[in-house]
Amino acid sequence: MEYEHSFEQVQYLIDNGQNEEAENMLMTLQTHPDQAKWNYMMAVVSMNKGWLEYAAQYAEKAHELEPDNSMYSSYIETIRKQRSEANKNNNIKSAAGCCIDCADCCECLSSFS
């Protein structure tokens, strides 16, 4: 099937850290965004780019479409852990008096090293 071949190419790009290229290829397949595999791969790309909210949405859609696929439910848990860790780190920075979205955060955080 043509889409399976494309998904294999996307997986190759993801495995080689080429997330922009993988995302672009997935977008050309967007005629099938209701496929669980498409949503899962968009979740992986989003996660790799640090877009945790998008990753969660795509992973949940994949799981909704194929609820028996343990890989999809496992990935949702992975994203939840990453989001929890990111929230914990942001809370530490805030408590330390560092702004979270400013250009000076590197300088601020280096004072805690």
N, C-alpha and C. Protein backbone atom coordinates (compact mmCIF):
# COMPACT_ATOMS: atom_id res chain seq x y z
N MET A 1 0.85 -1.18 0.00
CA MET A 1 0.00 0.00 0.00
C MET A 1 0.90 1.25 0.00
N GLU A 2 0.50 2.22 -0.76
CA GLU A 2 1.30 3.44 -0.91
C GLU A 2 1.54 4.14 0.43
N TYR A 3 0.53 4.20 1.27
CA TYR A 3 0.66 4.90 2.53
C TYR A 3 1.62 4.18 3.49
N GLU A 4 1.61 2.86 3.45
CA GLU A 4 2.53 2.11 4.30
C GLU A 4 3.97 2.41 3.93
N HIS A 5 4.25 2.49 2.64
CA HIS A 5 5.60 2.84 2.19
C HIS A 5 5.97 4.23 2.69
N SER A 6 5.05 5.15 2.61
CA SER A 6 5.31 6.51 3.09
C SER A 6 5.54 6.53 4.60
N PHE A 7 4.77 5.74 5.33
CA PHE A 7 4.96 5.67 6.78
C PHE A 7 6.33 5.09 7.12
N GLU A 8 6.79 4.15 6.33
CA GLU A 8 8.13 3.61 6.54
C GLU A 8 9.19 4.69 6.33
N GLN A 9 8.98 5.53 5.33
CA GLN A 9 9.91 6.63 5.08
C GLN A 9 9.87 7.63 6.23
N VAL A 10 8.69 7.92 6.73
CA VAL A 10 8.54 8.84 7.86
C VAL A 10 9.27 8.26 9.08
N GLN A 11 9.09 6.97 9.33
CA GLN A 11 9.76 6.34 10.47
C GLN A 11 11.27 6.43 10.33
N TYR A 12 11.78 6.24 9.12
CA TYR A 12 13.21 6.36 8.86
C TYR A 12 13.69 7.78 9.22
N LEU A 13 12.93 8.78 8.79
CA LEU A 13 13.30 10.17 9.08
C LEU A 13 13.29 10.44 10.59
N ILE A 14 12.27 9.94 11.27
CA ILE A 14 12.18 10.12 12.72
C ILE A 14 13.37 9.46 13.40
N ASP A 15 13.66 8.23 12.99
CA ASP A 15 14.77 7.49 13.59
C ASP A 15 16.11 8.18 13.40
N ASN A 16 16.22 8.99 12.36
CA ASN A 16 17.46 9.69 12.06
C ASN A 16 17.42 11.16 12.47
N GLY A 17 16.46 11.51 13.33
CA GLY A 17 16.40 12.86 13.88
C GLY A 17 15.99 13.92 12.90
N GLN A 18 15.39 13.54 11.80
CA GLN A 18 14.96 14.49 10.78
C GLN A 18 13.47 14.80 10.96
N ASN A 19 13.17 15.46 12.07
CA ASN A 19 11.77 15.69 12.44
C ASN A 19 11.04 16.65 11.51
N GLU A 20 11.73 17.67 11.04
CA GLU A 20 11.08 18.61 10.10
C GLU A 20 10.66 17.88 8.83
N GLU A 21 11.57 17.06 8.30
CA GLU A 21 11.28 16.32 7.08
C GLU A 21 10.15 15.31 7.31
N ALA A 22 10.18 14.66 8.47
CA ALA A 22 9.13 13.70 8.80
C ALA A 22 7.77 14.40 8.90
N GLU A 23 7.76 15.55 9.55
CA GLU A 23 6.51 16.31 9.66
C GLU A 23 6.01 16.73 8.29
N ASN A 24 6.91 17.22 7.45
CA ASN A 24 6.51 17.63 6.11
C ASN A 24 5.93 16.47 5.32
N MET A 25 6.55 15.30 5.43
CA MET A 25 6.05 14.13 4.72
C MET A 25 4.67 13.73 5.25
N LEU A 26 4.50 13.78 6.56
CA LEU A 26 3.21 13.46 7.14
C LEU A 26 2.13 14.43 6.66
N MET A 27 2.50 15.68 6.54
CA MET A 27 1.53 16.68 6.09
C MET A 27 1.07 16.40 4.65
N THR A 28 1.93 15.81 3.84
CA THR A 28 1.50 15.45 2.49
C THR A 28 0.52 14.29 2.53
N LEU A 29 0.52 13.54 3.62
CA LEU A 29 -0.42 12.42 3.79
C LEU A 29 -1.65 12.84 4.57
N GLN A 30 -1.84 14.13 4.74
CA GLN A 30 -2.89 14.62 5.62
C GLN A 30 -4.29 14.28 5.12
N THR A 31 -4.39 13.71 3.93
CA THR A 31 -5.70 13.27 3.47
C THR A 31 -6.23 12.13 4.33
N HIS A 32 -5.35 11.57 5.17
CA HIS A 32 -5.75 10.48 6.05
C HIS A 32 -5.42 10.77 7.52
N PRO A 33 -5.81 11.95 8.03
CA PRO A 33 -5.49 12.24 9.43
C PRO A 33 -6.32 11.42 10.41
N ASP A 34 -7.28 10.66 9.89
CA ASP A 34 -8.06 9.81 10.79
C ASP A 34 -7.47 8.42 10.91
N GLN A 35 -6.26 8.24 10.41
CA GLN A 35 -5.55 6.98 10.61
C GLN A 35 -4.80 7.05 11.92
N ALA A 36 -4.88 6.00 12.68
CA ALA A 36 -4.19 5.96 13.97
C ALA A 36 -2.68 6.10 13.79
N LYS A 37 -2.13 5.44 12.80
CA LYS A 37 -0.68 5.48 12.59
C LYS A 37 -0.21 6.89 12.26
N TRP A 38 -0.97 7.61 11.45
CA TRP A 38 -0.64 9.00 11.11
C TRP A 38 -0.58 9.84 12.39
N ASN A 39 -1.60 9.71 13.22
CA ASN A 39 -1.66 10.48 14.47
C ASN A 39 -0.53 10.09 15.41
N TYR A 40 -0.22 8.81 15.48
CA TYR A 40 0.88 8.37 16.34
C TYR A 40 2.20 8.99 15.87
N MET A 41 2.43 8.95 14.57
CA MET A 41 3.69 9.49 14.06
C MET A 41 3.76 11.01 14.25
N MET A 42 2.63 11.70 14.12
CA MET A 42 2.62 13.13 14.40
C MET A 42 2.88 13.38 15.89
N ALA A 43 2.42 12.47 16.75
CA ALA A 43 2.69 12.59 18.18
C ALA A 43 4.19 12.46 18.44
N VAL A 44 4.82 11.50 17.79
CA VAL A 44 6.26 11.29 17.98
C VAL A 44 7.05 12.51 17.50
N VAL A 45 6.71 13.01 16.32
CA VAL A 45 7.39 14.19 15.78
C VAL A 45 7.19 15.38 16.71
N SER A 46 5.96 15.58 17.16
CA SER A 46 5.66 16.70 18.06
C SER A 46 6.44 16.59 19.36
N MET A 47 6.50 15.39 19.90
CA MET A 47 7.26 15.15 21.14
C MET A 47 8.73 15.45 20.92
N ASN A 48 9.28 14.99 19.80
CA ASN A 48 10.68 15.24 19.51
C ASN A 48 10.99 16.72 19.37
N LYS A 49 10.00 17.49 18.96
CA LYS A 49 10.18 18.94 18.79
C LYS A 49 9.88 19.69 20.10
N GLY A 50 9.46 18.96 21.13
CA GLY A 50 9.16 19.58 22.41
C GLY A 50 7.75 20.15 22.51
N TRP A 51 6.91 19.81 21.57
CA TRP A 51 5.53 20.29 21.56
C TRP A 51 4.64 19.27 22.28
N LEU A 52 4.69 19.29 23.59
CA LEU A 52 4.04 18.25 24.38
C LEU A 52 2.52 18.26 24.28
N GLU A 53 1.93 19.44 24.18
CA GLU A 53 0.47 19.52 24.09
C GLU A 53 -0.02 18.89 22.78
N TYR A 54 0.65 19.23 21.68
CA TYR A 54 0.28 18.63 20.40
C TYR A 54 0.53 17.13 20.42
N ALA A 55 1.65 16.74 20.98
CA ALA A 55 1.97 15.31 21.07
C ALA A 55 0.85 14.56 21.79
N ALA A 56 0.39 15.13 22.89
CA ALA A 56 -0.69 14.49 23.66
C ALA A 56 -1.97 14.39 22.83
N GLN A 57 -2.30 15.44 22.12
CA GLN A 57 -3.52 15.42 21.30
C GLN A 57 -3.44 14.35 20.21
N TYR A 58 -2.32 14.29 19.52
CA TYR A 58 -2.16 13.29 18.46
C TYR A 58 -2.16 11.88 19.02
N ALA A 59 -1.47 11.66 20.14
CA ALA A 59 -1.41 10.33 20.74
C ALA A 59 -2.78 9.88 21.22
N GLU A 60 -3.53 10.80 21.80
CA GLU A 60 -4.87 10.45 22.27
C GLU A 60 -5.79 10.12 21.10
N LYS A 61 -5.64 10.84 19.99
CA LYS A 61 -6.44 10.54 18.79
C LYS A 61 -6.07 9.15 18.25
N ALA A 62 -4.78 8.84 18.21
CA ALA A 62 -4.36 7.51 17.74
C ALA A 62 -4.96 6.42 18.63
N HIS A 63 -4.91 6.64 19.93
CA HIS A 63 -5.46 5.67 20.88
C HIS A 63 -6.98 5.55 20.73
N GLU A 64 -7.63 6.67 20.48
CA GLU A 64 -9.09 6.66 20.27
C GLU A 64 -9.45 5.83 19.04
N LEU A 65 -8.65 5.96 17.98
CA LEU A 65 -8.91 5.24 16.73
C LEU A 65 -8.58 3.76 16.83
N GLU A 66 -7.56 3.42 17.63
CA GLU A 66 -7.17 2.02 17.83
C GLU A 66 -6.92 1.77 19.32
N PRO A 67 -7.99 1.68 20.10
CA PRO A 67 -7.83 1.56 21.55
C PRO A 67 -7.10 0.30 22.02
N ASP A 68 -7.03 -0.72 21.18
CA ASP A 68 -6.36 -1.95 21.58
C ASP A 68 -4.86 -1.95 21.28
N ASN A 69 -4.37 -0.88 20.69
CA ASN A 69 -2.95 -0.81 20.34
C ASN A 69 -2.17 -0.34 21.57
N SER A 70 -1.44 -1.25 22.17
CA SER A 70 -0.72 -0.93 23.41
C SER A 70 0.40 0.08 23.18
N MET A 71 0.94 0.13 21.98
CA MET A 71 2.00 1.10 21.69
C MET A 71 1.46 2.53 21.83
N TYR A 72 0.23 2.75 21.39
CA TYR A 72 -0.35 4.08 21.46
C TYR A 72 -0.65 4.47 22.91
N SER A 73 -1.22 3.55 23.67
CA SER A 73 -1.52 3.87 25.08
C SER A 73 -0.23 4.05 25.87
N SER A 74 0.79 3.29 25.54
CA SER A 74 2.09 3.45 26.21
C SER A 74 2.70 4.82 25.91
N TYR A 75 2.53 5.26 24.67
CA TYR A 75 3.11 6.56 24.30
C TYR A 75 2.39 7.70 25.01
N ILE A 76 1.10 7.55 25.24
CA ILE A 76 0.36 8.56 26.01
C ILE A 76 0.98 8.68 27.40
N GLU A 77 1.31 7.56 28.00
CA GLU A 77 1.93 7.58 29.33
C GLU A 77 3.30 8.25 29.28
N THR A 78 4.07 7.99 28.24
CA THR A 78 5.38 8.63 28.07
C THR A 78 5.22 10.15 27.99
N ILE A 79 4.25 10.59 27.24
CA ILE A 79 4.00 12.04 27.12
C ILE A 79 3.58 12.62 28.46
N ARG A 80 2.73 11.93 29.17
CA ARG A 80 2.30 12.42 30.50
C ARG A 80 3.49 12.59 31.44
N LYS A 81 4.41 11.64 31.39
CA LYS A 81 5.60 11.74 32.24
C LYS A 81 6.45 12.95 31.84
N GLN A 82 6.61 13.16 30.54
CA GLN A 82 7.38 14.31 30.06
C GLN A 82 6.72 15.62 30.47
N ARG A 83 5.41 15.68 30.34
CA ARG A 83 4.68 16.90 30.72
C ARG A 83 4.82 17.15 32.22
N SER A 84 4.73 16.09 33.00
CA SER A 84 4.87 16.23 34.44
C SER A 84 6.27 16.74 34.80
N GLU A 85 7.28 16.18 34.16
CA GLU A 85 8.67 16.60 34.39
C GLU A 85 8.87 18.06 33.97
N ALA A 86 8.30 18.43 32.83
CA ALA A 86 8.42 19.81 32.35
C ALA A 86 7.74 20.77 33.32
N ASN A 87 6.57 20.40 33.82
CA ASN A 87 5.86 21.24 34.78
C ASN A 87 6.66 21.37 36.07
N LYS A 88 7.25 20.27 36.52
CA LYS A 88 8.05 20.29 37.74
C LYS A 88 9.25 21.22 37.56
N ASN A 89 9.93 21.12 36.42
CA ASN A 89 11.08 21.99 36.15
C ASN A 89 10.68 23.45 36.07
N ASN A 90 9.54 23.74 35.46
CA ASN A 90 9.07 25.12 35.38
C ASN A 90 8.73 25.67 36.75
N ASN A 91 8.16 24.82 37.61
CA ASN A 91 7.84 25.27 38.97
C ASN A 91 9.11 25.57 39.76
N ILE A 92 10.16 24.78 39.57
CA ILE A 92 11.44 25.03 40.25
C ILE A 92 12.02 26.35 39.79
N LYS A 93 12.00 26.60 38.49
CA LYS A 93 12.52 27.86 37.95
C LYS A 93 11.74 29.04 38.50
N SER A 94 10.42 28.92 38.53
CA SER A 94 9.59 30.01 39.03
C SER A 94 9.87 30.27 40.51
N ALA A 95 9.98 29.20 41.27
CA ALA A 95 10.22 29.35 42.70
C ALA A 95 11.59 29.98 42.96
N ALA A 96 12.51 29.76 42.04
CA ALA A 96 13.85 30.31 42.20
C ALA A 96 13.94 31.76 41.75
N GLY A 97 12.84 32.30 41.25
CA GLY A 97 12.82 33.69 40.81
C GLY A 97 13.22 33.87 39.37
N CYS A 98 13.34 32.80 38.62
CA CYS A 98 13.68 32.91 37.20
C CYS A 98 12.40 33.03 36.39
N CYS A 99 12.49 33.86 35.39
CA CYS A 99 11.37 33.90 34.46
C CYS A 99 11.49 32.67 33.57
N ILE A 100 10.39 32.18 33.08
CA ILE A 100 10.40 30.93 32.33
C ILE A 100 10.59 31.17 30.84
N ASP A 101 10.08 32.24 30.31
CA ASP A 101 10.10 32.45 28.87
C ASP A 101 11.05 33.55 28.42
N CYS A 102 11.96 33.95 29.24
CA CYS A 102 12.82 35.07 28.85
C CYS A 102 14.16 34.61 28.29
N ALA A 103 14.83 35.49 27.65
CA ALA A 103 16.13 35.17 27.05
C ALA A 103 17.22 35.05 28.11
N ASP A 104 16.98 35.52 29.32
CA ASP A 104 17.98 35.49 30.37
C ASP A 104 17.95 34.22 31.21
N CYS A 105 17.08 33.29 30.85
CA CYS A 105 16.94 32.09 31.68
C CYS A 105 18.23 31.28 31.76
N CYS A 106 18.96 31.20 30.67
CA CYS A 106 20.22 30.43 30.73
C CYS A 106 21.15 31.01 31.77
N GLU A 107 21.23 32.32 31.78
CA GLU A 107 22.11 32.98 32.76
C GLU A 107 21.57 32.75 34.17
N CYS A 108 20.25 32.86 34.30
CA CYS A 108 19.62 32.67 35.60
C CYS A 108 19.83 31.25 36.08
N LEU A 109 19.59 30.27 35.21
CA LEU A 109 19.69 28.87 35.61
C LEU A 109 21.13 28.46 35.89
N SER A 110 22.08 29.10 35.23
CA SER A 110 23.48 28.72 35.45
C SER A 110 23.89 29.05 36.88
N SER A 111 23.18 29.95 37.52
CA SER A 111 23.52 30.28 38.89
C SER A 111 23.14 29.16 39.87
N PHE A 112 22.32 28.18 39.39
CA PHE A 112 21.92 27.08 40.23
C PHE A 112 22.77 25.84 40.01
N SER A 113 23.68 25.90 39.05
CA SER A 113 24.51 24.73 38.72
C SER A 113 25.61 24.52 39.73
